[in-house]
């Protein structure tokens, strides 16, 4: 099974930069003016998942809760530390998660839309 997480945004370029330049994901593709939508696909090559972000003339009013979270599991301590360094270098603030599990097993912060993201240290080899 392949998984795609799709979300509409007002900040397509900011999200692209955040997920590629800060989190180290890759631009896998995109489209322009497809029925009035522009979009990008971001993930890792040869994986069975990706994120899709779309933009149109419609302005999005976000309604995220404290429990709406994207969780990423770096494979190595080197990868984990590199991501944390980029977050700190870009002056992105860490948050305290509502669920204490994520405070014990990762670092939480917001993407440019205000969606919660966790970089977890659970799968590090």
PDB file of N, CA and C in Angstrom:
ATOM      1  N   UNK A   1       0.839  -1.175   0.000  1.00  0.00           N
ATOM      2  CA  UNK A   1       0.000   0.000   0.000  1.00  0.00           C
ATOM      3  C   UNK A   1       0.887   1.241   0.000  1.00  0.00           C
ATOM      4  N   UNK A   2       0.483   2.233  -0.723  1.00  0.00           N
ATOM      5  CA  UNK A   2       1.163   3.521  -0.752  1.00  0.00           C
ATOM      6  C   UNK A   2       0.344   4.521   0.047  1.00  0.00           C
ATOM      7  N   UNK A   3       1.023   5.420   0.741  1.00  0.00           N
ATOM      8  CA  UNK A   3       0.348   6.402   1.584  1.00  0.00           C
ATOM      9  C   UNK A   3       0.691   7.812   1.115  1.00  0.00           C
ATOM     10  N   UNK A   4      -0.339   8.656   1.018  1.00  0.00           N
ATOM     11  CA  UNK A   4      -0.150  10.080   0.714  1.00  0.00           C
ATOM     12  C   UNK A   4      -0.929  10.878   1.747  1.00  0.00           C
ATOM     13  N   UNK A   5      -0.247  11.845   2.353  1.00  0.00           N
ATOM     14  CA  UNK A   5      -0.888  12.796   3.248  1.00  0.00           C
ATOM     15  C   UNK A   5      -1.050  14.079   2.451  1.00  0.00           C
ATOM     16  N   UNK A   6      -2.283  14.488   2.183  1.00  0.00           N
ATOM     17  CA  UNK A   6      -2.546  15.664   1.348  1.00  0.00           C
ATOM     18  C   UNK A   6      -3.128  16.783   2.205  1.00  0.00           C
ATOM     19  N   UNK A   7      -2.609  17.998   1.984  1.00  0.00           N
ATOM     20  CA  UNK A   7      -3.088  19.147   2.747  1.00  0.00           C
ATOM     21  C   UNK A   7      -3.036  20.393   1.867  1.00  0.00           C
ATOM     22  N   UNK A   8      -4.086  21.174   1.918  1.00  0.00           N
ATOM     23  CA  UNK A   8      -4.146  22.440   1.207  1.00  0.00           C
ATOM     24  C   UNK A   8      -3.432  23.500   2.053  1.00  0.00           C
ATOM     25  N   UNK A   9      -2.821  24.474   1.405  1.00  0.00           N
ATOM     26  CA  UNK A   9      -2.040  25.484   2.121  1.00  0.00           C
ATOM     27  C   UNK A   9      -2.146  26.841   1.441  1.00  0.00           C
ATOM     28  N   UNK A  10      -1.823  27.871   2.184  1.00  0.00           N
ATOM     29  CA  UNK A  10      -1.651  29.219   1.641  1.00  0.00           C
ATOM     30  C   UNK A  10      -0.163  29.505   1.405  1.00  0.00           C
ATOM     31  N   UNK A  11       0.701  28.588   1.838  1.00  0.00           N
ATOM     32  CA  UNK A  11       2.149  28.828   1.898  1.00  0.00           C
ATOM     33  C   UNK A  11       2.943  27.749   1.177  1.00  0.00           C
ATOM     34  N   UNK A  12       2.661  27.497  -0.069  1.00  0.00           N
ATOM     35  CA  UNK A  12       3.285  26.382  -0.778  1.00  0.00           C
ATOM     36  C   UNK A  12       4.814  26.483  -0.805  1.00  0.00           C
ATOM     37  N   UNK A  13       5.357  27.621  -1.130  1.00  0.00           N
ATOM     38  CA  UNK A  13       6.816  27.772  -1.214  1.00  0.00           C
ATOM     39  C   UNK A  13       7.475  27.661   0.158  1.00  0.00           C
ATOM     40  N   UNK A  14       6.836  28.204   1.197  1.00  0.00           N
ATOM     41  CA  UNK A  14       7.394  28.096   2.550  1.00  0.00           C
ATOM     42  C   UNK A  14       7.405  26.645   3.009  1.00  0.00           C
ATOM     43  N   UNK A  15       6.331  25.900   2.724  1.00  0.00           N
ATOM     44  CA  UNK A  15       6.295  24.484   3.097  1.00  0.00           C
ATOM     45  C   UNK A  15       7.352  23.701   2.330  1.00  0.00           C
ATOM     46  N   UNK A  16       7.496  23.999   1.054  1.00  0.00           N
ATOM     47  CA  UNK A  16       8.509  23.325   0.236  1.00  0.00           C
ATOM     48  C   UNK A  16       9.892  23.521   0.852  1.00  0.00           C
ATOM     49  N   UNK A  17      10.229  24.741   1.176  1.00  0.00           N
ATOM     50  CA  UNK A  17      11.529  25.038   1.771  1.00  0.00           C
ATOM     51  C   UNK A  17      11.678  24.350   3.128  1.00  0.00           C
ATOM     52  N   UNK A  18      10.663  24.396   3.952  1.00  0.00           N
ATOM     53  CA  UNK A  18      10.717  23.802   5.285  1.00  0.00           C
ATOM     54  C   UNK A  18      10.960  22.299   5.216  1.00  0.00           C
ATOM     55  N   UNK A  19      10.147  21.589   4.454  1.00  0.00           N
ATOM     56  CA  UNK A  19      10.244  20.132   4.434  1.00  0.00           C
ATOM     57  C   UNK A  19      11.485  19.628   3.685  1.00  0.00           C
ATOM     58  N   UNK A  20      11.998  20.416   2.748  1.00  0.00           N
ATOM     59  CA  UNK A  20      13.199  20.001   2.015  1.00  0.00           C
ATOM     60  C   UNK A  20      14.465  20.509   2.710  1.00  0.00           C
ATOM     61  N   UNK A  21      14.543  21.812   2.941  1.00  0.00           N
ATOM     62  CA  UNK A  21      15.770  22.403   3.463  1.00  0.00           C
ATOM     63  C   UNK A  21      15.989  22.139   4.954  1.00  0.00           C
ATOM     64  N   UNK A  22      14.918  22.073   5.732  1.00  0.00           N
ATOM     65  CA  UNK A  22      15.056  21.872   7.175  1.00  0.00           C
ATOM     66  C   UNK A  22      14.973  20.390   7.534  1.00  0.00           C
ATOM     67  N   UNK A  23      13.940  19.698   7.037  1.00  0.00           N
ATOM     68  CA  UNK A  23      13.756  18.298   7.423  1.00  0.00           C
ATOM     69  C   UNK A  23      14.498  17.312   6.537  1.00  0.00           C
ATOM     70  N   UNK A  24      15.032  17.774   5.415  1.00  0.00           N
ATOM     71  CA  UNK A  24      15.857  16.903   4.582  1.00  0.00           C
ATOM     72  C   UNK A  24      15.084  15.967   3.670  1.00  0.00           C
ATOM     73  N   UNK A  25      13.809  16.251   3.421  1.00  0.00           N
ATOM     74  CA  UNK A  25      13.037  15.445   2.477  1.00  0.00           C
ATOM     75  C   UNK A  25      13.346  15.909   1.057  1.00  0.00           C
ATOM     76  N   UNK A  26      12.782  15.213   0.087  1.00  0.00           N
ATOM     77  CA  UNK A  26      13.076  15.500  -1.323  1.00  0.00           C
ATOM     78  C   UNK A  26      11.816  15.928  -2.067  1.00  0.00           C
ATOM     79  N   UNK A  27      12.001  16.806  -3.052  1.00  0.00           N
ATOM     80  CA  UNK A  27      10.913  17.148  -3.956  1.00  0.00           C
ATOM     81  C   UNK A  27      10.771  16.000  -4.949  1.00  0.00           C
ATOM     82  N   UNK A  28       9.649  15.310  -4.905  1.00  0.00           N
ATOM     83  CA  UNK A  28       9.429  14.143  -5.759  1.00  0.00           C
ATOM     84  C   UNK A  28       8.685  14.479  -7.047  1.00  0.00           C
ATOM     85  N   UNK A  29       8.057  15.637  -7.084  1.00  0.00           N
ATOM     86  CA  UNK A  29       7.308  16.033  -8.275  1.00  0.00           C
ATOM     87  C   UNK A  29       6.366  17.161  -7.930  1.00  0.00           C
ATOM     88  N   UNK A  30       5.557  17.518  -8.907  1.00  0.00           N
ATOM     89  CA  UNK A  30       4.597  18.585  -8.690  1.00  0.00           C
ATOM     90  C   UNK A  30       3.770  18.831  -9.926  1.00  0.00           C
ATOM     91  N   UNK A  31       2.887  19.800  -9.820  1.00  0.00           N
ATOM     92  CA  UNK A  31       2.019  20.143 -10.942  1.00  0.00           C
ATOM     93  C   UNK A  31       1.591  21.597 -10.809  1.00  0.00           C
ATOM     94  N   UNK A  32       1.211  22.178 -11.935  1.00  0.00           N
ATOM     95  CA  UNK A  32       0.732  23.559 -11.970  1.00  0.00           C
ATOM     96  C   UNK A  32      -0.574  23.630 -12.717  1.00  0.00           C
ATOM     97  N   UNK A  33      -1.489  24.444 -12.201  1.00  0.00           N
ATOM     98  CA  UNK A  33      -2.777  24.733 -12.809  1.00  0.00           C
ATOM     99  C   UNK A  33      -3.530  23.466 -13.224  1.00  0.00           C
ATOM    100  N   UNK A  34      -3.573  22.509 -12.341  1.00  0.00           N
ATOM    101  CA  UNK A  34      -4.379  21.303 -12.557  1.00  0.00           C
ATOM    102  C   UNK A  34      -5.754  21.572 -11.957  1.00  0.00           C
ATOM    103  N   UNK A  35      -6.699  21.942 -12.826  1.00  0.00           N
ATOM    104  CA  UNK A  35      -8.051  22.315 -12.380  1.00  0.00           C
ATOM    105  C   UNK A  35      -8.004  23.439 -11.346  1.00  0.00           C
ATOM    106  N   UNK A  36      -7.077  24.381 -11.519  1.00  0.00           N
ATOM    107  CA  UNK A  36      -6.966  25.526 -10.631  1.00  0.00           C
ATOM    108  C   UNK A  36      -6.064  25.304  -9.425  1.00  0.00           C
ATOM    109  N   UNK A  37      -5.401  24.168  -9.355  1.00  0.00           N
ATOM    110  CA  UNK A  37      -4.519  23.842  -8.231  1.00  0.00           C
ATOM    111  C   UNK A  37      -3.073  23.714  -8.693  1.00  0.00           C
ATOM    112  N   UNK A  38      -2.166  24.196  -7.848  1.00  0.00           N
ATOM    113  CA  UNK A  38      -0.744  23.911  -7.971  1.00  0.00           C
ATOM    114  C   UNK A  38      -0.398  22.987  -6.813  1.00  0.00           C
ATOM    115  N   UNK A  39       0.571  22.111  -7.013  1.00  0.00           N
ATOM    116  CA  UNK A  39       0.912  21.201  -5.926  1.00  0.00           C
ATOM    117  C   UNK A  39       2.310  20.660  -6.023  1.00  0.00           C
ATOM    118  N   UNK A  40       2.774  20.131  -4.904  1.00  0.00           N
ATOM    119  CA  UNK A  40       4.082  19.497  -4.830  1.00  0.00           C
ATOM    120  C   UNK A  40       3.961  18.195  -4.055  1.00  0.00           C
ATOM    121  N   UNK A  41       4.854  17.260  -4.373  1.00  0.00           N
ATOM    122  CA  UNK A  41       4.962  15.986  -3.673  1.00  0.00           C
ATOM    123  C   UNK A  41       6.338  15.950  -3.010  1.00  0.00           C
ATOM    124  N   UNK A  42       6.364  15.697  -1.715  1.00  0.00           N
ATOM    125  CA  UNK A  42       7.601  15.708  -0.946  1.00  0.00           C
ATOM    126  C   UNK A  42       7.691  14.414  -0.154  1.00  0.00           C
ATOM    127  N   UNK A  43       8.874  13.821  -0.140  1.00  0.00           N
ATOM    128  CA  UNK A  43       9.076  12.592   0.625  1.00  0.00           C
ATOM    129  C   UNK A  43      10.505  12.137   0.502  1.00  0.00           C
ATOM    130  N   UNK A  44      10.679  10.834   0.407  1.00  0.00           N
ATOM    131  CA  UNK A  44      11.990  10.220   0.195  1.00  0.00           C
ATOM    132  C   UNK A  44      11.872   9.282  -0.991  1.00  0.00           C
ATOM    133  N   UNK A  45      12.842   9.318  -1.878  1.00  0.00           N
ATOM    134  CA  UNK A  45      12.846   8.426  -3.040  1.00  0.00           C
ATOM    135  C   UNK A  45      12.777   6.973  -2.577  1.00  0.00           C
ATOM    136  N   UNK A  46      12.094   6.173  -3.345  1.00  0.00           N
ATOM    137  CA  UNK A  46      11.989   4.730  -3.101  1.00  0.00           C
ATOM    138  C   UNK A  46      11.257   4.375  -1.814  1.00  0.00           C
ATOM    139  N   UNK A  47      10.475   5.284  -1.268  1.00  0.00           N
ATOM    140  CA  UNK A  47       9.613   4.981  -0.120  1.00  0.00           C
ATOM    141  C   UNK A  47       8.176   4.879  -0.623  1.00  0.00           C
ATOM    142  N   UNK A  48       7.313   4.319   0.187  1.00  0.00           N
ATOM    143  CA  UNK A  48       5.922   4.138  -0.249  1.00  0.00           C
ATOM    144  C   UNK A  48       4.993   5.164   0.385  1.00  0.00           C
ATOM    145  N   UNK A  49       5.504   6.351   0.673  1.00  0.00           N
ATOM    146  CA  UNK A  49       4.702   7.424   1.232  1.00  0.00           C
ATOM    147  C   UNK A  49       5.224   8.758   0.704  1.00  0.00           C
ATOM    148  N   UNK A  50       4.367   9.764   0.754  1.00  0.00           N
ATOM    149  CA  UNK A  50       4.803  11.126   0.474  1.00  0.00           C
ATOM    150  C   UNK A  50       3.762  12.111   0.989  1.00  0.00           C
ATOM    151  N   UNK A  51       4.183  13.347   1.088  1.00  0.00           N
ATOM    152  CA  UNK A  51       3.303  14.449   1.454  1.00  0.00           C
ATOM    153  C   UNK A  51       2.922  15.182   0.173  1.00  0.00           C
ATOM    154  N   UNK A  52       1.679  15.606   0.090  1.00  0.00           N
ATOM    155  CA  UNK A  52       1.234  16.443  -1.023  1.00  0.00           C
ATOM    156  C   UNK A  52       0.699  17.741  -0.435  1.00  0.00           C
ATOM    157  N   UNK A  53       1.196  18.853  -0.932  1.00  0.00           N
ATOM    158  CA  UNK A  53       0.690  20.156  -0.535  1.00  0.00           C
ATOM    159  C   UNK A  53       0.141  20.838  -1.786  1.00  0.00           C
ATOM    160  N   UNK A  54      -1.065  21.371  -1.673  1.00  0.00           N
ATOM    161  CA  UNK A  54      -1.702  22.045  -2.804  1.00  0.00           C
ATOM    162  C   UNK A  54      -2.062  23.481  -2.434  1.00  0.00           C
ATOM    163  N   UNK A  55      -2.161  24.301  -3.485  1.00  0.00           N
ATOM    164  CA  UNK A  55      -2.547  25.699  -3.337  1.00  0.00           C
ATOM    165  C   UNK A  55      -3.522  26.028  -4.462  1.00  0.00           C
ATOM    166  N   UNK A  56      -4.500  26.862  -4.145  1.00  0.00           N
ATOM    167  CA  UNK A  56      -5.431  27.375  -5.148  1.00  0.00           C
ATOM    168  C   UNK A  56      -5.767  28.814  -4.765  1.00  0.00           C
ATOM    169  N   UNK A  57      -6.774  29.382  -5.409  1.00  0.00           N
ATOM    170  CA  UNK A  57      -7.193  30.737  -5.060  1.00  0.00           C
ATOM    171  C   UNK A  57      -7.922  30.785  -3.725  1.00  0.00           C
ATOM    172  N   UNK A  58      -8.347  29.630  -3.232  1.00  0.00           N
ATOM    173  CA  UNK A  58      -9.054  29.574  -1.949  1.00  0.00           C
ATOM    174  C   UNK A  58      -8.081  29.763  -0.792  1.00  0.00           C
ATOM    175  N   UNK A  59      -8.404  30.669   0.104  1.00  0.00           N
ATOM    176  CA  UNK A  59      -7.591  30.892   1.296  1.00  0.00           C
ATOM    177  C   UNK A  59      -8.022  29.890   2.360  1.00  0.00           C
ATOM    178  N   UNK A  60      -7.045  29.214   2.936  1.00  0.00           N
ATOM    179  CA  UNK A  60      -7.315  28.171   3.922  1.00  0.00           C
ATOM    180  C   UNK A  60      -7.388  28.779   5.318  1.00  0.00           C
ATOM    181  N   UNK A  61      -8.421  28.399   6.068  1.00  0.00           N
ATOM    182  CA  UNK A  61      -8.503  28.714   7.495  1.00  0.00           C
ATOM    183  C   UNK A  61      -8.186  27.415   8.226  1.00  0.00           C
ATOM    184  N   UNK A  62      -7.003  27.332   8.830  1.00  0.00           N
ATOM    185  CA  UNK A  62      -6.543  26.094   9.437  1.00  0.00           C
ATOM    186  C   UNK A  62      -7.260  25.827  10.762  1.00  0.00           C
ATOM    187  N   UNK A  63      -7.508  24.552  11.023  1.00  0.00           N
ATOM    188  CA  UNK A  63      -8.155  24.114  12.262  1.00  0.00           C
ATOM    189  C   UNK A  63      -7.425  22.888  12.804  1.00  0.00           C
ATOM    190  N   UNK A  64      -6.158  23.026  13.102  1.00  0.00           N
ATOM    191  CA  UNK A  64      -5.369  21.921  13.626  1.00  0.00           C
ATOM    192  C   UNK A  64      -5.557  21.858  15.139  1.00  0.00           C
ATOM    193  N   UNK A  65      -5.548  20.651  15.678  1.00  0.00           N
ATOM    194  CA  UNK A  65      -5.585  20.508  17.128  1.00  0.00           C
ATOM    195  C   UNK A  65      -4.182  20.177  17.640  1.00  0.00           C
ATOM    196  N   UNK A  66      -4.028  20.155  18.956  1.00  0.00           N
ATOM    197  CA  UNK A  66      -2.743  19.804  19.572  1.00  0.00           C
ATOM    198  C   UNK A  66      -2.362  18.356  19.303  1.00  0.00           C
ATOM    199  N   UNK A  67      -3.306  17.544  18.863  1.00  0.00           N
ATOM    200  CA  UNK A  67      -3.056  16.123  18.625  1.00  0.00           C
ATOM    201  C   UNK A  67      -2.850  15.798  17.142  1.00  0.00           C
ATOM    202  N   UNK A  68      -2.946  16.783  16.255  1.00  0.00           N
ATOM    203  CA  UNK A  68      -2.665  16.580  14.833  1.00  0.00           C
ATOM    204  C   UNK A  68      -1.165  16.746  14.625  1.00  0.00           C
ATOM    205  N   UNK A  69      -0.484  15.637  14.369  1.00  0.00           N
ATOM    206  CA  UNK A  69       0.982  15.650  14.350  1.00  0.00           C
ATOM    207  C   UNK A  69       1.498  14.772  13.212  1.00  0.00           C
ATOM    208  N   UNK A  70       2.479  15.264  12.478  1.00  0.00           N
ATOM    209  CA  UNK A  70       3.270  14.426  11.579  1.00  0.00           C
ATOM    210  C   UNK A  70       4.497  13.989  12.370  1.00  0.00           C
ATOM    211  N   UNK A  71       4.780  12.699  12.385  1.00  0.00           N
ATOM    212  CA  UNK A  71       5.921  12.181  13.135  1.00  0.00           C
ATOM    213  C   UNK A  71       6.903  11.548  12.151  1.00  0.00           C
ATOM    214  N   UNK A  72       8.142  11.971  12.235  1.00  0.00           N
ATOM    215  CA  UNK A  72       9.206  11.425  11.406  1.00  0.00           C
ATOM    216  C   UNK A  72      10.208  10.713  12.308  1.00  0.00           C
ATOM    217  N   UNK A  73      10.692   9.571  11.829  1.00  0.00           N
ATOM    218  CA  UNK A  73      11.632   8.742  12.576  1.00  0.00           C
ATOM    219  C   UNK A  73      12.952   8.642  11.819  1.00  0.00           C
ATOM    220  N   UNK A  74      13.927   9.511  12.125  1.00  0.00           N
ATOM    221  CA  UNK A  74      15.234   9.375  11.488  1.00  0.00           C
ATOM    222  C   UNK A  74      15.822   7.997  11.791  1.00  0.00           C
ATOM    223  N   UNK A  75      16.607   7.478  10.863  1.00  0.00           N
ATOM    224  CA  UNK A  75      17.186   6.142  11.014  1.00  0.00           C
ATOM    225  C   UNK A  75      18.458   6.113  11.841  1.00  0.00           C
ATOM    226  N   UNK A  76      19.143   7.256  11.927  1.00  0.00           N
ATOM    227  CA  UNK A  76      20.417   7.283  12.643  1.00  0.00           C
ATOM    228  C   UNK A  76      20.486   8.513  13.545  1.00  0.00           C
ATOM    229  N   UNK A  77      21.370   8.449  14.530  1.00  0.00           N
ATOM    230  CA  UNK A  77      21.585   9.602  15.400  1.00  0.00           C
ATOM    231  C   UNK A  77      22.149  10.774  14.597  1.00  0.00           C
ATOM    232  N   UNK A  78      22.997  10.481  13.625  1.00  0.00           N
ATOM    233  CA  UNK A  78      23.554  11.525  12.769  1.00  0.00           C
ATOM    234  C   UNK A  78      22.436  12.276  12.036  1.00  0.00           C
ATOM    235  N   UNK A  79      21.488  11.542  11.471  1.00  0.00           N
ATOM    236  CA  UNK A  79      20.357  12.168  10.777  1.00  0.00           C
ATOM    237  C   UNK A  79      19.502  12.975  11.752  1.00  0.00           C
ATOM    238  N   UNK A  80      19.209  12.410  12.920  1.00  0.00           N
ATOM    239  CA  UNK A  80      18.430  13.096  13.954  1.00  0.00           C
ATOM    240  C   UNK A  80      19.111  14.406  14.352  1.00  0.00           C
ATOM    241  N   UNK A  81      20.401  14.339  14.665  1.00  0.00           N
ATOM    242  CA  UNK A  81      21.146  15.531  15.085  1.00  0.00           C
ATOM    243  C   UNK A  81      21.232  16.573  13.981  1.00  0.00           C
ATOM    244  N   UNK A  82      21.375  16.135  12.729  1.00  0.00           N
ATOM    245  CA  UNK A  82      21.438  17.085  11.604  1.00  0.00           C
ATOM    246  C   UNK A  82      20.123  17.841  11.460  1.00  0.00           C
ATOM    247  N   UNK A  83      19.014  17.150  11.625  1.00  0.00           N
ATOM    248  CA  UNK A  83      17.704  17.814  11.543  1.00  0.00           C
ATOM    249  C   UNK A  83      17.549  18.804  12.689  1.00  0.00           C
ATOM    250  N   UNK A  84      17.893  18.391  13.899  1.00  0.00           N
ATOM    251  CA  UNK A  84      17.798  19.312  15.042  1.00  0.00           C
ATOM    252  C   UNK A  84      18.677  20.539  14.836  1.00  0.00           C
ATOM    253  N   UNK A  85      19.871  20.357  14.286  1.00  0.00           N
ATOM    254  CA  UNK A  85      20.759  21.494  14.004  1.00  0.00           C
ATOM    255  C   UNK A  85      20.107  22.467  13.022  1.00  0.00           C
ATOM    256  N   UNK A  86      19.456  21.936  11.982  1.00  0.00           N
ATOM    257  CA  UNK A  86      18.792  22.804  11.000  1.00  0.00           C
ATOM    258  C   UNK A  86      17.619  23.544  11.629  1.00  0.00           C
ATOM    259  N   UNK A  87      16.894  22.882  12.519  1.00  0.00           N
ATOM    260  CA  UNK A  87      15.769  23.531  13.204  1.00  0.00           C
ATOM    261  C   UNK A  87      16.286  24.695  14.043  1.00  0.00           C
ATOM    262  N   UNK A  88      17.356  24.444  14.791  1.00  0.00           N
ATOM    263  CA  UNK A  88      17.934  25.487  15.638  1.00  0.00           C
ATOM    264  C   UNK A  88      18.516  26.615  14.792  1.00  0.00           C
ATOM    265  N   UNK A  89      19.241  26.282  13.726  1.00  0.00           N
ATOM    266  CA  UNK A  89      19.829  27.285  12.838  1.00  0.00           C
ATOM    267  C   UNK A  89      18.758  28.182  12.221  1.00  0.00           C
ATOM    268  N   UNK A  90      17.590  27.596  11.902  1.00  0.00           N
ATOM    269  CA  UNK A  90      16.493  28.360  11.310  1.00  0.00           C
ATOM    270  C   UNK A  90      15.600  29.030  12.354  1.00  0.00           C
ATOM    271  N   UNK A  91      16.035  28.986  13.625  1.00  0.00           N
ATOM    272  CA  UNK A  91      15.339  29.657  14.728  1.00  0.00           C
ATOM    273  C   UNK A  91      13.882  29.198  14.866  1.00  0.00           C
ATOM    274  N   UNK A  92      13.666  27.913  14.639  1.00  0.00           N
ATOM    275  CA  UNK A  92      12.346  27.324  14.820  1.00  0.00           C
ATOM    276  C   UNK A  92      12.243  26.893  16.278  1.00  0.00           C
ATOM    277  N   UNK A  93      11.181  27.315  16.931  1.00  0.00           N
ATOM    278  CA  UNK A  93      11.008  27.045  18.356  1.00  0.00           C
ATOM    279  C   UNK A  93      10.471  25.639  18.606  1.00  0.00           C
ATOM    280  N   UNK A  94      11.027  24.964  19.587  1.00  0.00           N
ATOM    281  CA  UNK A  94      10.494  23.677  20.023  1.00  0.00           C
ATOM    282  C   UNK A  94       9.286  23.932  20.920  1.00  0.00           C
ATOM    283  N   UNK A  95       8.335  23.011  20.879  1.00  0.00           N
ATOM    284  CA  UNK A  95       7.118  23.115  21.677  1.00  0.00           C
ATOM    285  C   UNK A  95       7.036  21.973  22.667  1.00  0.00           C
ATOM    286  N   UNK A  96       6.291  22.186  23.720  1.00  0.00           N
ATOM    287  CA  UNK A  96       5.955  21.095  24.629  1.00  0.00           C
ATOM    288  C   UNK A  96       4.694  20.442  24.075  1.00  0.00           C
ATOM    289  N   UNK A  97       4.754  19.130  23.852  1.00  0.00           N
ATOM    290  CA  UNK A  97       3.608  18.400  23.318  1.00  0.00           C
ATOM    291  C   UNK A  97       2.553  18.202  24.401  1.00  0.00           C
ATOM    292  N   UNK A  98       1.308  18.202  23.999  1.00  0.00           N
ATOM    293  CA  UNK A  98       0.214  17.912  24.931  1.00  0.00           C
ATOM    294  C   UNK A  98       0.359  16.492  25.472  1.00  0.00           C
ATOM    295  N   UNK A  99       0.691  15.553  24.583  1.00  0.00           N
ATOM    296  CA  UNK A  99       0.902  14.169  24.970  1.00  0.00           C
ATOM    297  C   UNK A  99       2.355  14.027  25.436  1.00  0.00           C
ATOM    298  N   UNK A 100       2.594  13.721  26.706  1.00  0.00           N
ATOM    299  CA  UNK A 100       3.973  13.665  27.215  1.00  0.00           C
ATOM    300  C   UNK A 100       4.852  12.623  26.528  1.00  0.00           C
ATOM    301  N   UNK A 101       4.242  11.652  25.868  1.00  0.00           N
ATOM    302  CA  UNK A 101       5.013  10.637  25.140  1.00  0.00           C
ATOM    303  C   UNK A 101       5.965  11.292  24.150  1.00  0.00           C
ATOM    304  N   UNK A 102       5.502  12.325  23.430  1.00  0.00           N
ATOM    305  CA  UNK A 102       6.335  12.969  22.414  1.00  0.00           C
ATOM    306  C   UNK A 102       7.416  13.836  23.040  1.00  0.00           C
ATOM    307  N   UNK A 103       7.206  14.328  24.250  1.00  0.00           N
ATOM    308  CA  UNK A 103       8.258  15.079  24.937  1.00  0.00           C
ATOM    309  C   UNK A 103       9.398  14.160  25.359  1.00  0.00           C
ATOM    310  N   UNK A 104       9.079  12.919  25.663  1.00  0.00           N
ATOM    311  CA  UNK A 104      10.072  11.943  26.098  1.00  0.00           C
ATOM    312  C   UNK A 104      10.779  11.283  24.912  1.00  0.00           C
ATOM    313  N   UNK A 105      10.125  11.252  23.748  1.00  0.00           N
ATOM    314  CA  UNK A 105      10.626  10.469  22.617  1.00  0.00           C
ATOM    315  C   UNK A 105      10.843  11.282  21.351  1.00  0.00           C
ATOM    316  N   UNK A 106      11.048  12.594  21.490  1.00  0.00           N
ATOM    317  CA  UNK A 106      11.292  13.410  20.315  1.00  0.00           C
ATOM    318  C   UNK A 106      11.255  14.888  20.615  1.00  0.00           C
ATOM    319  N   UNK A 107      11.245  15.655  19.559  1.00  0.00           N
ATOM    320  CA  UNK A 107      11.170  17.111  19.642  1.00  0.00           C
ATOM    321  C   UNK A 107      10.031  17.578  18.749  1.00  0.00           C
ATOM    322  N   UNK A 108       9.172  18.445  19.284  1.00  0.00           N
ATOM    323  CA  UNK A 108       8.021  18.962  18.535  1.00  0.00           C
ATOM    324  C   UNK A 108       8.238  20.427  18.173  1.00  0.00           C
ATOM    325  N   UNK A 109       7.739  20.801  16.982  1.00  0.00           N
ATOM    326  CA  UNK A 109       7.804  22.170  16.495  1.00  0.00           C
ATOM    327  C   UNK A 109       6.692  22.342  15.472  1.00  0.00           C
ATOM    328  N   UNK A 110       6.519  23.539  14.948  1.00  0.00           N
ATOM    329  CA  UNK A 110       5.466  23.834  13.969  1.00  0.00           C
ATOM    330  C   UNK A 110       6.052  24.013  12.583  1.00  0.00           C
ATOM    331  N   UNK A 111       5.306  23.555  11.562  1.00  0.00           N
ATOM    332  CA  UNK A 111       5.684  23.870  10.187  1.00  0.00           C
ATOM    333  C   UNK A 111       5.134  25.257   9.855  1.00  0.00           C
ATOM    334  N   UNK A 112       5.395  25.810   8.670  1.00  0.00           N
ATOM    335  CA  UNK A 112       4.951  27.168   8.350  1.00  0.00           C
ATOM    336  C   UNK A 112       3.434  27.382   8.409  1.00  0.00           C
ATOM    337  N   UNK A 113       2.636  26.322   8.319  1.00  0.00           N
ATOM    338  CA  UNK A 113       1.185  26.447   8.452  1.00  0.00           C
ATOM    339  C   UNK A 113       0.719  26.359   9.899  1.00  0.00           C
ATOM    340  N   UNK A 114       1.611  26.017  10.813  1.00  0.00           N
ATOM    341  CA  UNK A 114       1.225  25.837  12.207  1.00  0.00           C
ATOM    342  C   UNK A 114       0.845  24.404  12.534  1.00  0.00           C
ATOM    343  N   UNK A 115       1.174  23.463  11.642  1.00  0.00           N
ATOM    344  CA  UNK A 115       0.906  22.048  11.870  1.00  0.00           C
ATOM    345  C   UNK A 115       2.048  21.467  12.695  1.00  0.00           C
ATOM    346  N   UNK A 116       1.713  20.691  13.710  1.00  0.00           N
ATOM    347  CA  UNK A 116       2.732  20.122  14.590  1.00  0.00           C
ATOM    348  C   UNK A 116       3.519  18.994  13.902  1.00  0.00           C
ATOM    349  N   UNK A 117       4.810  19.008  14.121  1.00  0.00           N
ATOM    350  CA  UNK A 117       5.727  18.010  13.571  1.00  0.00           C
ATOM    351  C   UNK A 117       6.600  17.518  14.718  1.00  0.00           C
ATOM    352  N   UNK A 118       6.840  16.216  14.756  1.00  0.00           N
ATOM    353  CA  UNK A 118       7.751  15.628  15.727  1.00  0.00           C
ATOM    354  C   UNK A 118       8.858  14.908  14.982  1.00  0.00           C
ATOM    355  N   UNK A 119      10.095  15.133  15.427  1.00  0.00           N
ATOM    356  CA  UNK A 119      11.220  14.324  15.009  1.00  0.00           C
ATOM    357  C   UNK A 119      11.486  13.404  16.194  1.00  0.00           C
ATOM    358  N   UNK A 120      11.264  12.116  16.001  1.00  0.00           N
ATOM    359  CA  UNK A 120      11.372  11.152  17.085  1.00  0.00           C
ATOM    360  C   UNK A 120      12.745  10.489  17.096  1.00  0.00           C
ATOM    361  N   UNK A 121      13.180  10.153  18.293  1.00  0.00           N
ATOM    362  CA  UNK A 121      14.462   9.471  18.450  1.00  0.00           C
ATOM    363  C   UNK A 121      14.277   7.965  18.724  1.00  0.00           C
ATOM    364  N   UNK A 122      13.089   7.434  18.491  1.00  0.00           N
ATOM    365  CA  UNK A 122      12.782   6.051  18.838  1.00  0.00           C
ATOM    366  C   UNK A 122      13.441   5.007  17.934  1.00  0.00           C
ATOM    367  N   UNK A 123      13.598   5.280  16.664  1.00  0.00           N
ATOM    368  CA  UNK A 123      14.090   4.274  15.717  1.00  0.00           C
ATOM    369  C   UNK A 123      15.579   4.424  15.397  1.00  0.00           C
ATOM    370  N   UNK A 124      16.263   5.244  16.167  1.00  0.00           N
ATOM    371  CA  UNK A 124      17.668   5.531  15.894  1.00  0.00           C
ATOM    372  C   UNK A 124      18.522   4.297  16.176  1.00  0.00           C
ATOM    373  N   UNK A 125      19.403   4.006  15.225  1.00  0.00           N
ATOM    374  CA  UNK A 125      20.324   2.869  15.369  1.00  0.00           C
ATOM    375  C   UNK A 125      21.676   3.336  15.833  1.00  0.00           C
TER     376      UNK A 125
END
